[in-house]
Every structure is written in structure tokens, then in C-alpha cells.
């Protein structure tokens, strides 16, 4: 009985190892190729072309590719730029308009699915086109609102000056009145 249990356990372990090996073999290595070119319209920035293939050269269609750029914002981080999905040929395009001129490193990631393993690729390019610097619009009544702010400030200061003058005058009058009563009381 013990031998049967041991043999059964041994067969179970061998079967599990074989299944795990077959599962790993079913997952194929995936590669990502990236290329960067200027977009058709300058205001769109750059077109990052991505091509996803398995190790045997077959395209991976409907693969979601996420794009990131390393930034230094409260420490080193990867800023998410967006995603694209590959077509039937395993190709996709991602339009990217950088915020700054200069060198940019782009990381493309595929999370993997079905028999295609996850993959990552990196490319670097020098941007000579960038998004325009943000310029806030002037509000239609902005000049008037500045004048109103100053006018209200002057009026408030004038009211406080009148109140201060009234308080000081009242205090002087009370003191003078008390003094006058004191001198009249001495004569009587």
C-alpha cells in the first residue's frame, strides 16, 4: 500500500513537471522593434512605430503596447505617455509630442498574452519639435478687475482712516471734557 502511494506521488510529480515544461515551451519569446520619425504634421511631434513579433517571426496582433519616458520628478520615475494596439501585421503607431526639446528615451512594454511572452524595448531620439509653452489667455475684464481691486483697497483704507479719526477725536473730547469738569469743580 505504501509503495502504491509513493509510486502515485512520484507519477504526479513527474506529470506536473512535464506540464510545467510544456506550458513554458508554449510561451514564445516576443521581441519589440521601435523606430522614431517625424510625424506628418509638425504639431503632432513624432511617430513612434512599433513592431511586435514572436521568436519564430510571426506577428503579434492586438497587442497593447504601453509607452513610458524616464523622468526625474521627486526621484527617478517612468512617466506613462500612452498606449497603442498592434494591427494584424503586429505593427502600431504612437504619436508623441514632447514637452521639451533635446534627448528623449522611450520605453515600450508589452505585458504578454496567450502564448506571447512579455517584452520591452527602448529607443532614444533628439527632439527638435516640442509642445508650445503654455500661455494663459487674458480674461476679457482683467484690466477692469485690477482697477477695481485698487479702488476697493483705497476705499477700505479711507473708511479705516475715518474710523481712526473718529476714535481719536472722541478720546480727546472725553479727556478735554473730564479736564474741564475737573477745573470747574475746583472753582466751586
N, C-alpha and C. Protein backbone atom coordinates (compact mmCIF):
# COMPACT_ATOMS: atom_id res chain seq x y z
N UNK A 1 0.82 -1.19 0.00
CA UNK A 1 0.00 0.00 0.00
C UNK A 1 0.87 1.26 0.00
N UNK A 2 1.93 1.24 0.79
CA UNK A 2 2.83 2.38 0.86
C UNK A 2 3.53 2.57 -0.47
N UNK A 3 3.89 1.47 -1.10
CA UNK A 3 4.57 1.56 -2.40
C UNK A 3 3.63 2.17 -3.45
N UNK A 4 2.36 1.81 -3.39
CA UNK A 4 1.40 2.37 -4.35
C UNK A 4 1.27 3.88 -4.17
N UNK A 5 1.21 4.31 -2.94
CA UNK A 5 1.09 5.75 -2.65
C UNK A 5 2.35 6.47 -3.11
N UNK A 6 3.51 5.91 -2.82
CA UNK A 6 4.77 6.52 -3.24
C UNK A 6 4.87 6.56 -4.76
N UNK A 7 4.48 5.49 -5.43
CA UNK A 7 4.51 5.46 -6.89
C UNK A 7 3.53 6.46 -7.47
N UNK A 8 2.37 6.56 -6.86
CA UNK A 8 1.36 7.52 -7.32
C UNK A 8 1.86 8.96 -7.15
N UNK A 9 2.49 9.26 -6.03
CA UNK A 9 3.06 10.60 -5.79
C UNK A 9 4.17 10.90 -6.78
N UNK A 10 5.02 9.92 -7.04
CA UNK A 10 6.12 10.12 -7.99
C UNK A 10 5.58 10.39 -9.38
N UNK A 11 4.57 9.66 -9.80
CA UNK A 11 3.96 9.90 -11.11
C UNK A 11 3.30 11.28 -11.17
N UNK A 12 2.69 11.69 -10.09
CA UNK A 12 2.05 13.01 -10.04
C UNK A 12 3.09 14.12 -10.18
N UNK A 13 4.21 13.98 -9.50
CA UNK A 13 5.27 14.99 -9.58
C UNK A 13 5.84 15.05 -10.99
N UNK A 14 6.08 13.89 -11.60
CA UNK A 14 6.60 13.85 -12.97
C UNK A 14 5.61 14.48 -13.94
N UNK A 15 4.33 14.19 -13.78
CA UNK A 15 3.30 14.76 -14.65
C UNK A 15 3.25 16.29 -14.50
N UNK A 16 3.36 16.77 -13.27
CA UNK A 16 3.35 18.22 -13.04
C UNK A 16 4.56 18.89 -13.68
N UNK A 17 5.73 18.28 -13.57
CA UNK A 17 6.94 18.83 -14.19
C UNK A 17 6.81 18.85 -15.71
N UNK A 18 6.26 17.79 -16.29
CA UNK A 18 6.07 17.74 -17.74
C UNK A 18 5.09 18.82 -18.20
N UNK A 19 4.00 19.00 -17.47
CA UNK A 19 3.02 20.02 -17.81
C UNK A 19 3.62 21.43 -17.70
N UNK A 20 4.42 21.66 -16.66
CA UNK A 20 5.07 22.96 -16.49
C UNK A 20 6.04 23.22 -17.63
N UNK A 21 6.78 22.20 -18.04
CA UNK A 21 7.72 22.34 -19.16
C UNK A 21 6.98 22.63 -20.45
N UNK A 22 5.87 21.92 -20.69
CA UNK A 22 5.07 22.17 -21.88
C UNK A 22 4.47 23.57 -21.87
N UNK A 23 4.04 24.04 -20.70
CA UNK A 23 3.47 25.39 -20.60
C UNK A 23 4.53 26.43 -20.91
N UNK A 24 5.76 26.23 -20.40
CA UNK A 24 6.84 27.17 -20.70
C UNK A 24 7.21 27.14 -22.18
N UNK A 25 7.19 25.96 -22.76
CA UNK A 25 7.53 25.84 -24.18
C UNK A 25 6.46 26.49 -25.04
N UNK A 26 5.21 26.47 -24.56
CA UNK A 26 4.11 27.07 -25.33
C UNK A 26 4.23 28.59 -25.36
N UNK A 27 4.83 29.20 -24.34
CA UNK A 27 5.02 30.64 -24.30
C UNK A 27 6.27 30.98 -25.11
N UNK A 28 6.06 31.72 -26.19
CA UNK A 28 7.18 32.06 -27.07
C UNK A 28 7.76 33.42 -26.69
N UNK A 29 9.04 33.52 -26.87
CA UNK A 29 9.72 34.79 -26.64
C UNK A 29 9.19 35.81 -27.65
N UNK A 30 9.02 37.04 -27.20
CA UNK A 30 8.48 38.11 -28.04
C UNK A 30 9.50 39.22 -28.14
N UNK A 31 9.61 39.83 -29.31
CA UNK A 31 10.52 40.96 -29.49
C UNK A 31 9.73 42.18 -29.95
N UNK A 32 10.22 43.34 -29.55
CA UNK A 32 9.62 44.61 -29.95
C UNK A 32 10.69 45.40 -30.68
N UNK A 33 10.33 45.93 -31.84
CA UNK A 33 11.23 46.80 -32.59
C UNK A 33 10.61 48.19 -32.60
N UNK A 34 11.43 49.20 -32.34
CA UNK A 34 10.95 50.58 -32.31
C UNK A 34 11.71 51.42 -33.32
N UNK A 35 11.01 52.37 -33.92
CA UNK A 35 11.66 53.37 -34.76
C UNK A 35 10.90 54.68 -34.59
N UNK A 36 11.64 55.79 -34.65
CA UNK A 36 11.05 57.11 -34.45
C UNK A 36 11.28 57.95 -35.69
N UNK A 37 10.22 58.63 -36.14
CA UNK A 37 10.31 59.53 -37.30
C UNK A 37 9.41 60.73 -37.02
N UNK A 38 9.67 61.82 -37.71
CA UNK A 38 8.82 62.99 -37.56
C UNK A 38 7.42 62.66 -38.07
N UNK A 39 6.40 63.13 -37.36
CA UNK A 39 5.01 62.89 -37.77
C UNK A 39 4.72 63.70 -39.02
N UNK A 40 3.63 63.35 -39.70
CA UNK A 40 3.25 64.05 -40.93
C UNK A 40 3.01 65.54 -40.67
N UNK A 41 2.39 65.85 -39.54
CA UNK A 41 2.14 67.24 -39.16
C UNK A 41 3.07 67.60 -38.01
N UNK A 42 3.71 68.75 -38.11
CA UNK A 42 4.68 69.15 -37.09
C UNK A 42 4.06 69.25 -35.71
N UNK A 43 2.79 69.67 -35.62
CA UNK A 43 2.15 69.81 -34.31
C UNK A 43 1.86 68.47 -33.64
N UNK A 44 2.01 67.36 -34.38
CA UNK A 44 1.83 66.03 -33.80
C UNK A 44 3.14 65.48 -33.22
N UNK A 45 4.24 66.12 -33.50
CA UNK A 45 5.53 65.71 -32.94
C UNK A 45 6.17 64.56 -33.69
N UNK A 46 6.20 63.40 -33.06
CA UNK A 46 6.93 62.25 -33.60
C UNK A 46 6.03 61.02 -33.65
N UNK A 47 6.24 60.19 -34.67
CA UNK A 47 5.53 58.92 -34.80
C UNK A 47 6.48 57.82 -34.38
N UNK A 48 6.13 57.14 -33.31
CA UNK A 48 6.93 56.02 -32.82
C UNK A 48 6.29 54.75 -33.36
N UNK A 49 6.98 54.11 -34.29
CA UNK A 49 6.47 52.88 -34.91
C UNK A 49 6.94 51.69 -34.08
N UNK A 50 6.04 50.78 -33.83
CA UNK A 50 6.35 49.59 -33.04
C UNK A 50 5.97 48.36 -33.86
N UNK A 51 6.80 47.34 -33.75
CA UNK A 51 6.56 46.07 -34.45
C UNK A 51 6.80 44.95 -33.44
N UNK A 52 5.77 44.10 -33.24
CA UNK A 52 5.86 43.03 -32.25
C UNK A 52 5.81 41.69 -32.96
N UNK A 53 6.82 40.84 -32.70
CA UNK A 53 6.93 39.53 -33.34
C UNK A 53 7.30 38.49 -32.28
N UNK A 54 6.91 37.25 -32.57
CA UNK A 54 7.35 36.15 -31.72
C UNK A 54 8.73 35.70 -32.20
N UNK A 55 9.35 34.79 -31.48
CA UNK A 55 10.71 34.34 -31.83
C UNK A 55 10.76 33.69 -33.21
N UNK A 56 9.66 33.08 -33.64
CA UNK A 56 9.66 32.45 -34.96
C UNK A 56 9.23 33.42 -36.07
N UNK A 57 9.11 34.70 -35.75
CA UNK A 57 8.84 35.72 -36.76
C UNK A 57 7.37 36.02 -37.02
N UNK A 58 6.46 35.39 -36.30
CA UNK A 58 5.04 35.64 -36.52
C UNK A 58 4.62 36.94 -35.82
N UNK A 59 3.78 37.74 -36.49
CA UNK A 59 3.34 39.00 -35.87
C UNK A 59 2.38 38.72 -34.71
N UNK A 60 2.43 39.59 -33.71
CA UNK A 60 1.51 39.50 -32.57
C UNK A 60 0.48 40.60 -32.78
N UNK A 61 -0.74 40.20 -33.18
CA UNK A 61 -1.77 41.20 -33.42
C UNK A 61 -2.53 41.51 -32.14
N UNK A 62 -3.16 42.67 -32.12
CA UNK A 62 -3.94 43.16 -30.99
C UNK A 62 -3.14 43.14 -29.68
N UNK A 63 -1.86 43.43 -29.78
CA UNK A 63 -1.02 43.54 -28.59
C UNK A 63 -1.07 44.98 -28.11
N UNK A 64 -1.34 45.18 -26.84
CA UNK A 64 -1.36 46.53 -26.27
C UNK A 64 0.05 46.87 -25.82
N UNK A 65 0.59 47.93 -26.41
CA UNK A 65 1.94 48.38 -26.10
C UNK A 65 1.83 49.68 -25.30
N UNK A 66 2.47 49.72 -24.14
CA UNK A 66 2.47 50.91 -23.29
C UNK A 66 3.80 51.62 -23.45
N UNK A 67 3.75 52.95 -23.55
CA UNK A 67 4.95 53.76 -23.74
C UNK A 67 5.22 54.59 -22.49
N UNK A 68 6.51 54.66 -22.13
CA UNK A 68 6.94 55.40 -20.94
C UNK A 68 8.18 56.22 -21.27
N UNK A 69 8.38 57.28 -20.48
CA UNK A 69 9.60 58.08 -20.58
C UNK A 69 10.16 58.28 -19.18
N UNK A 70 11.44 57.95 -18.95
CA UNK A 70 12.03 58.19 -17.63
C UNK A 70 12.11 59.69 -17.35
N UNK A 71 11.68 60.09 -16.15
CA UNK A 71 11.73 61.49 -15.73
C UNK A 71 12.29 61.55 -14.32
N UNK A 72 12.74 62.71 -13.94
CA UNK A 72 13.23 62.92 -12.58
C UNK A 72 12.28 63.90 -11.91
N UNK A 73 11.25 63.37 -11.27
CA UNK A 73 10.24 64.17 -10.58
C UNK A 73 10.08 63.56 -9.20
N UNK A 74 10.64 64.19 -8.19
CA UNK A 74 10.69 63.64 -6.84
C UNK A 74 11.36 62.28 -6.86
N UNK A 75 12.44 62.17 -7.62
CA UNK A 75 13.16 60.91 -7.79
C UNK A 75 12.93 60.36 -9.18
N UNK A 76 13.69 59.35 -9.53
CA UNK A 76 13.57 58.75 -10.87
C UNK A 76 12.28 57.98 -10.98
N UNK A 77 11.52 58.25 -12.04
CA UNK A 77 10.25 57.60 -12.29
C UNK A 77 10.08 57.39 -13.79
N UNK A 78 9.06 56.62 -14.15
CA UNK A 78 8.72 56.45 -15.56
C UNK A 78 7.32 57.03 -15.77
N UNK A 79 7.27 58.06 -16.59
CA UNK A 79 6.01 58.73 -16.88
C UNK A 79 5.30 58.00 -18.01
N UNK A 80 4.03 57.66 -17.78
CA UNK A 80 3.24 56.98 -18.81
C UNK A 80 2.87 57.99 -19.89
N UNK A 81 3.17 57.64 -21.15
CA UNK A 81 2.85 58.51 -22.27
C UNK A 81 1.55 58.11 -22.95
N UNK A 82 1.22 56.82 -22.91
CA UNK A 82 0.01 56.32 -23.55
C UNK A 82 0.22 54.92 -24.08
N UNK A 83 -0.76 54.45 -24.86
CA UNK A 83 -0.70 53.09 -25.40
C UNK A 83 -1.12 53.09 -26.86
N UNK A 84 -0.79 52.00 -27.53
CA UNK A 84 -1.27 51.73 -28.88
C UNK A 84 -1.49 50.23 -28.99
N UNK A 85 -2.30 49.83 -29.96
CA UNK A 85 -2.58 48.42 -30.18
C UNK A 85 -2.10 48.04 -31.58
N UNK A 86 -1.44 46.89 -31.68
CA UNK A 86 -0.90 46.46 -32.97
C UNK A 86 -2.02 45.94 -33.87
N UNK A 87 -1.76 46.02 -35.18
CA UNK A 87 -2.72 45.52 -36.17
C UNK A 87 -2.42 44.05 -36.49
N UNK A 88 -3.00 43.53 -37.55
CA UNK A 88 -2.81 42.14 -37.95
C UNK A 88 -1.38 41.81 -38.33
N UNK A 89 -0.59 42.83 -38.67
CA UNK A 89 0.82 42.63 -39.03
C UNK A 89 1.75 42.81 -37.83
N UNK A 90 1.16 43.03 -36.65
CA UNK A 90 1.97 43.24 -35.45
C UNK A 90 2.59 44.62 -35.39
N UNK A 91 2.01 45.58 -36.11
CA UNK A 91 2.57 46.93 -36.16
C UNK A 91 1.59 47.94 -35.57
N UNK A 92 2.15 48.98 -35.01
CA UNK A 92 1.33 50.06 -34.45
C UNK A 92 2.11 51.36 -34.49
N UNK A 93 1.38 52.47 -34.37
CA UNK A 93 1.98 53.81 -34.38
C UNK A 93 1.50 54.55 -33.14
N UNK A 94 2.42 55.23 -32.48
CA UNK A 94 2.09 56.06 -31.33
C UNK A 94 2.62 57.47 -31.60
N UNK A 95 1.74 58.47 -31.58
CA UNK A 95 2.15 59.86 -31.80
C UNK A 95 2.54 60.48 -30.46
N UNK A 96 3.70 61.13 -30.45
CA UNK A 96 4.21 61.71 -29.21
C UNK A 96 4.77 63.09 -29.48
N UNK A 97 4.25 64.09 -28.76
CA UNK A 97 4.74 65.46 -28.84
C UNK A 97 5.40 65.77 -27.51
N UNK A 98 6.75 65.79 -27.47
CA UNK A 98 7.44 66.03 -26.20
C UNK A 98 7.19 67.43 -25.66
N UNK A 99 7.34 67.57 -24.36
CA UNK A 99 7.17 68.87 -23.72
C UNK A 99 8.43 69.72 -23.84
N UNK A 100 9.58 69.08 -24.06
CA UNK A 100 10.85 69.80 -24.12
C UNK A 100 11.66 69.33 -25.31
N UNK A 101 12.52 70.21 -25.76
CA UNK A 101 13.47 69.84 -26.81
C UNK A 101 14.59 69.01 -26.20
N UNK A 102 15.35 68.34 -27.03
CA UNK A 102 16.51 67.59 -26.55
C UNK A 102 16.30 66.09 -26.62
N UNK A 103 17.15 65.38 -25.90
CA UNK A 103 17.17 63.92 -25.95
C UNK A 103 16.03 63.32 -25.13
N UNK A 104 15.38 62.31 -25.70
CA UNK A 104 14.28 61.61 -25.03
C UNK A 104 14.49 60.11 -25.16
N UNK A 105 14.30 59.41 -24.06
CA UNK A 105 14.37 57.95 -24.07
C UNK A 105 12.94 57.43 -23.94
N UNK A 106 12.54 56.56 -24.84
CA UNK A 106 11.20 56.00 -24.83
C UNK A 106 11.30 54.50 -24.56
N UNK A 107 10.46 54.03 -23.64
CA UNK A 107 10.41 52.61 -23.29
C UNK A 107 9.05 52.07 -23.75
N UNK A 108 9.06 50.98 -24.50
CA UNK A 108 7.81 50.33 -24.95
C UNK A 108 7.71 48.99 -24.24
N UNK A 109 6.53 48.71 -23.65
CA UNK A 109 6.34 47.45 -22.93
C UNK A 109 5.10 46.72 -23.44
N UNK A 110 5.28 45.41 -23.59
CA UNK A 110 4.18 44.51 -23.91
C UNK A 110 4.03 43.59 -22.72
N UNK A 111 2.83 43.52 -22.13
CA UNK A 111 2.61 42.72 -20.91
C UNK A 111 2.53 41.24 -21.18
N UNK A 112 2.43 40.85 -22.45
CA UNK A 112 2.32 39.43 -22.79
C UNK A 112 0.86 39.00 -22.77
N UNK A 113 0.57 37.93 -23.49
CA UNK A 113 -0.77 37.34 -23.51
C UNK A 113 -0.71 36.02 -24.26
N UNK A 114 -1.65 35.17 -23.99
CA UNK A 114 -1.72 33.85 -24.62
C UNK A 114 -0.34 33.18 -24.62
N UNK A 115 0.19 32.88 -25.81
CA UNK A 115 1.49 32.22 -25.90
C UNK A 115 2.63 33.21 -26.14
N UNK A 116 2.35 34.51 -26.15
CA UNK A 116 3.40 35.51 -26.37
C UNK A 116 3.87 36.04 -25.02
N UNK A 117 5.16 35.92 -24.77
CA UNK A 117 5.74 36.36 -23.50
C UNK A 117 5.84 37.88 -23.47
N UNK A 118 5.96 38.44 -22.27
CA UNK A 118 6.11 39.89 -22.14
C UNK A 118 7.46 40.31 -22.72
N UNK A 119 7.50 41.58 -23.17
CA UNK A 119 8.73 42.09 -23.79
C UNK A 119 8.84 43.59 -23.54
N UNK A 120 10.05 44.10 -23.74
CA UNK A 120 10.33 45.52 -23.54
C UNK A 120 11.41 45.95 -24.52
N UNK A 121 11.30 47.18 -25.01
CA UNK A 121 12.32 47.74 -25.90
C UNK A 121 12.49 49.22 -25.56
N UNK A 122 13.66 49.75 -25.87
CA UNK A 122 13.98 51.14 -25.58
C UNK A 122 14.59 51.78 -26.81
N UNK A 123 14.26 53.04 -27.02
CA UNK A 123 14.87 53.82 -28.09
C UNK A 123 15.11 55.24 -27.59
N UNK A 124 16.07 55.91 -28.19
CA UNK A 124 16.39 57.29 -27.82
C UNK A 124 16.40 58.13 -29.09
N UNK A 125 15.89 59.36 -28.98
CA UNK A 125 15.92 60.28 -30.12
C UNK A 125 16.06 61.70 -29.61
N UNK A 126 16.54 62.58 -30.49
CA UNK A 126 16.68 64.00 -30.17
C UNK A 126 15.51 64.76 -30.77
N UNK A 127 14.77 65.44 -29.92
CA UNK A 127 13.58 66.17 -30.36
C UNK A 127 13.96 67.60 -30.72
N UNK A 128 13.61 68.00 -31.94
CA UNK A 128 13.78 69.40 -32.33
C UNK A 128 12.41 70.06 -32.49
N UNK A 129 11.35 69.34 -32.12
CA UNK A 129 9.99 69.87 -32.10
C UNK A 129 9.42 69.54 -30.73
N UNK A 130 8.78 70.52 -30.10
CA UNK A 130 8.18 70.30 -28.78
C UNK A 130 6.89 71.09 -28.69
N UNK A 131 6.10 70.75 -27.69
CA UNK A 131 4.83 71.45 -27.47
C UNK A 131 5.11 72.91 -27.12
N UNK A 132 4.22 73.78 -27.56
CA UNK A 132 4.36 75.21 -27.27
C UNK A 132 4.22 75.46 -25.77
N UNK A 133 4.93 76.46 -25.29
CA UNK A 133 4.85 76.83 -23.88
C UNK A 133 3.46 77.37 -23.61
N UNK A 134 2.87 76.94 -22.52
CA UNK A 134 1.51 77.35 -22.18
C UNK A 134 1.46 78.85 -21.87
N UNK A 135 0.60 79.55 -22.55
CA UNK A 135 0.37 80.97 -22.31
C UNK A 135 -1.10 81.14 -21.95
N UNK A 136 -1.39 81.54 -20.71
CA UNK A 136 -2.80 81.71 -20.34
C UNK A 136 -3.42 82.88 -21.11
N UNK A 137 -4.69 82.72 -21.46
CA UNK A 137 -5.40 83.78 -22.16
C UNK A 137 -5.73 84.89 -21.17
N UNK A 138 -5.77 86.11 -21.69
CA UNK A 138 -6.19 87.22 -20.83
C UNK A 138 -7.71 87.21 -20.74
N UNK A 139 -8.19 87.37 -19.55
CA UNK A 139 -9.62 87.40 -19.30
C UNK A 139 -10.16 88.73 -19.80
N UNK A 140 -11.35 88.75 -20.43
CA UNK A 140 -11.86 89.99 -21.02
C UNK A 140 -11.89 91.19 -20.07
N UNK A 141 -12.22 91.02 -18.81
CA UNK A 141 -12.31 92.15 -17.88
C UNK A 141 -11.13 92.21 -16.91
N UNK A 142 -9.99 91.65 -17.30
CA UNK A 142 -8.86 91.60 -16.37
C UNK A 142 -8.34 93.00 -16.03
N UNK A 143 -8.31 93.93 -16.97
CA UNK A 143 -7.87 95.30 -16.68
C UNK A 143 -8.81 95.98 -15.70
N UNK A 144 -10.10 95.79 -15.90
CA UNK A 144 -11.10 96.38 -15.00
C UNK A 144 -10.97 95.80 -13.60
N UNK A 145 -10.75 94.48 -13.51
CA UNK A 145 -10.66 93.85 -12.19
C UNK A 145 -9.44 94.34 -11.42
N UNK A 146 -8.35 94.69 -12.11
CA UNK A 146 -7.19 95.24 -11.42
C UNK A 146 -7.51 96.62 -10.86
N UNK A 147 -8.22 97.44 -11.63
CA UNK A 147 -8.60 98.78 -11.17
C UNK A 147 -9.57 98.67 -10.00
N UNK A 148 -10.50 97.74 -10.08
CA UNK A 148 -11.47 97.57 -9.00
C UNK A 148 -10.76 97.15 -7.72
N UNK A 149 -9.78 96.30 -7.82
CA UNK A 149 -9.04 95.85 -6.64
C UNK A 149 -8.35 97.03 -5.96
N UNK A 150 -7.72 97.88 -6.74
CA UNK A 150 -7.05 99.06 -6.17
C UNK A 150 -8.08 100.02 -5.59
N UNK A 151 -9.18 100.24 -6.29
CA UNK A 151 -10.21 101.17 -5.82
C UNK A 151 -10.83 100.69 -4.51
N UNK A 152 -11.12 99.41 -4.42
CA UNK A 152 -11.68 98.86 -3.18
C UNK A 152 -10.67 99.01 -2.04
N UNK A 153 -9.40 98.78 -2.33
CA UNK A 153 -8.37 98.96 -1.30
C UNK A 153 -8.31 100.39 -0.80
N UNK A 154 -8.40 101.36 -1.71
CA UNK A 154 -8.37 102.78 -1.32
C UNK A 154 -9.60 103.12 -0.48
N UNK A 155 -10.77 102.61 -0.87
CA UNK A 155 -11.99 102.89 -0.12
C UNK A 155 -11.91 102.29 1.28
N UNK A 156 -11.42 101.06 1.40
CA UNK A 156 -11.28 100.43 2.72
C UNK A 156 -10.31 101.22 3.59
N UNK A 157 -9.20 101.66 3.02
CA UNK A 157 -8.24 102.47 3.80
C UNK A 157 -8.87 103.79 4.24
N UNK A 158 -9.67 104.40 3.36
CA UNK A 158 -10.33 105.67 3.72
C UNK A 158 -11.32 105.46 4.85
N UNK A 159 -12.08 104.38 4.81
CA UNK A 159 -13.05 104.10 5.88
C UNK A 159 -12.32 103.88 7.19
N UNK A 160 -11.22 103.12 7.16
CA UNK A 160 -10.44 102.89 8.37
C UNK A 160 -9.85 104.20 8.89
N UNK A 161 -9.44 105.09 7.99
CA UNK A 161 -8.90 106.38 8.41
C UNK A 161 -9.98 107.21 9.10
N UNK A 162 -11.21 107.19 8.56
CA UNK A 162 -12.31 107.94 9.19
C UNK A 162 -12.64 107.36 10.56
N UNK A 163 -12.66 106.04 10.66
CA UNK A 163 -12.94 105.41 11.96
C UNK A 163 -11.85 105.76 12.96
N UNK A 164 -10.58 105.71 12.53
CA UNK A 164 -9.47 106.05 13.42
C UNK A 164 -9.57 107.51 13.86
N UNK A 165 -9.89 108.40 12.91
CA UNK A 165 -10.05 109.83 13.25
C UNK A 165 -11.18 110.01 14.26
N UNK A 166 -12.30 109.29 14.06
CA UNK A 166 -13.44 109.43 14.99
C UNK A 166 -13.06 108.93 16.37
N UNK A 167 -12.33 107.81 16.45
CA UNK A 167 -11.93 107.28 17.75
C UNK A 167 -10.97 108.22 18.46
N UNK A 168 -9.99 108.74 17.73
CA UNK A 168 -9.02 109.66 18.33
C UNK A 168 -9.72 110.94 18.77
N UNK A 169 -10.60 111.47 17.94
CA UNK A 169 -11.32 112.71 18.30
C UNK A 169 -12.21 112.49 19.51
N UNK A 170 -12.86 111.33 19.59
CA UNK A 170 -13.72 111.02 20.73
C UNK A 170 -12.89 110.91 22.00
N UNK A 171 -11.74 110.26 21.90
CA UNK A 171 -10.87 110.13 23.08
C UNK A 171 -10.38 111.49 23.56
N UNK A 172 -10.00 112.36 22.63
CA UNK A 172 -9.54 113.71 23.00
C UNK A 172 -10.68 114.50 23.64
N UNK A 173 -11.88 114.36 23.06
CA UNK A 173 -13.03 115.08 23.61
C UNK A 173 -13.37 114.63 25.01
N UNK A 174 -13.26 113.30 25.25
CA UNK A 174 -13.55 112.79 26.59
C UNK A 174 -12.51 113.31 27.57
N UNK A 175 -11.26 113.30 27.16
CA UNK A 175 -10.20 113.80 28.05
C UNK A 175 -10.39 115.29 28.34
N UNK A 176 -10.72 116.07 27.30
CA UNK A 176 -10.91 117.52 27.46
C UNK A 176 -12.13 117.79 28.35
N UNK A 177 -13.18 117.01 28.12
CA UNK A 177 -14.39 117.19 28.93
C UNK A 177 -14.11 116.86 30.39
N UNK A 178 -13.34 115.83 30.64
CA UNK A 178 -13.01 115.46 32.01
C UNK A 178 -12.15 116.52 32.65
N UNK A 179 -11.24 117.09 31.88
CA UNK A 179 -10.38 118.14 32.40
C UNK A 179 -11.21 119.39 32.72
N UNK A 180 -12.14 119.72 31.84
CA UNK A 180 -12.98 120.91 32.05
C UNK A 180 -13.86 120.72 33.28
N UNK A 181 -14.37 119.54 33.50
CA UNK A 181 -15.18 119.30 34.69
C UNK A 181 -14.32 119.38 35.95
N UNK A 182 -13.11 118.95 35.82
CA UNK A 182 -12.20 118.98 36.98
C UNK A 182 -11.85 120.41 37.37
N UNK A 183 -11.64 121.30 36.41
CA UNK A 183 -11.30 122.69 36.73
C UNK A 183 -12.51 123.45 37.21
N UNK A 184 -13.69 123.16 36.76
CA UNK A 184 -14.90 123.84 37.22
C UNK A 184 -15.21 123.40 38.65
N UNK A 185 -14.91 122.17 38.94
CA UNK A 185 -15.18 121.66 40.29
C UNK A 185 -14.24 122.30 41.30
N UNK A 186 -13.05 122.68 40.89
CA UNK A 186 -12.09 123.30 41.82
C UNK A 186 -12.53 124.71 42.17
N UNK A 187 -13.19 125.42 41.24
CA UNK A 187 -13.62 126.80 41.49
C UNK A 187 -14.83 126.85 42.37
N UNK A 188 -15.61 125.88 42.39
CA UNK A 188 -16.86 125.96 43.14
C UNK A 188 -16.66 125.63 44.55
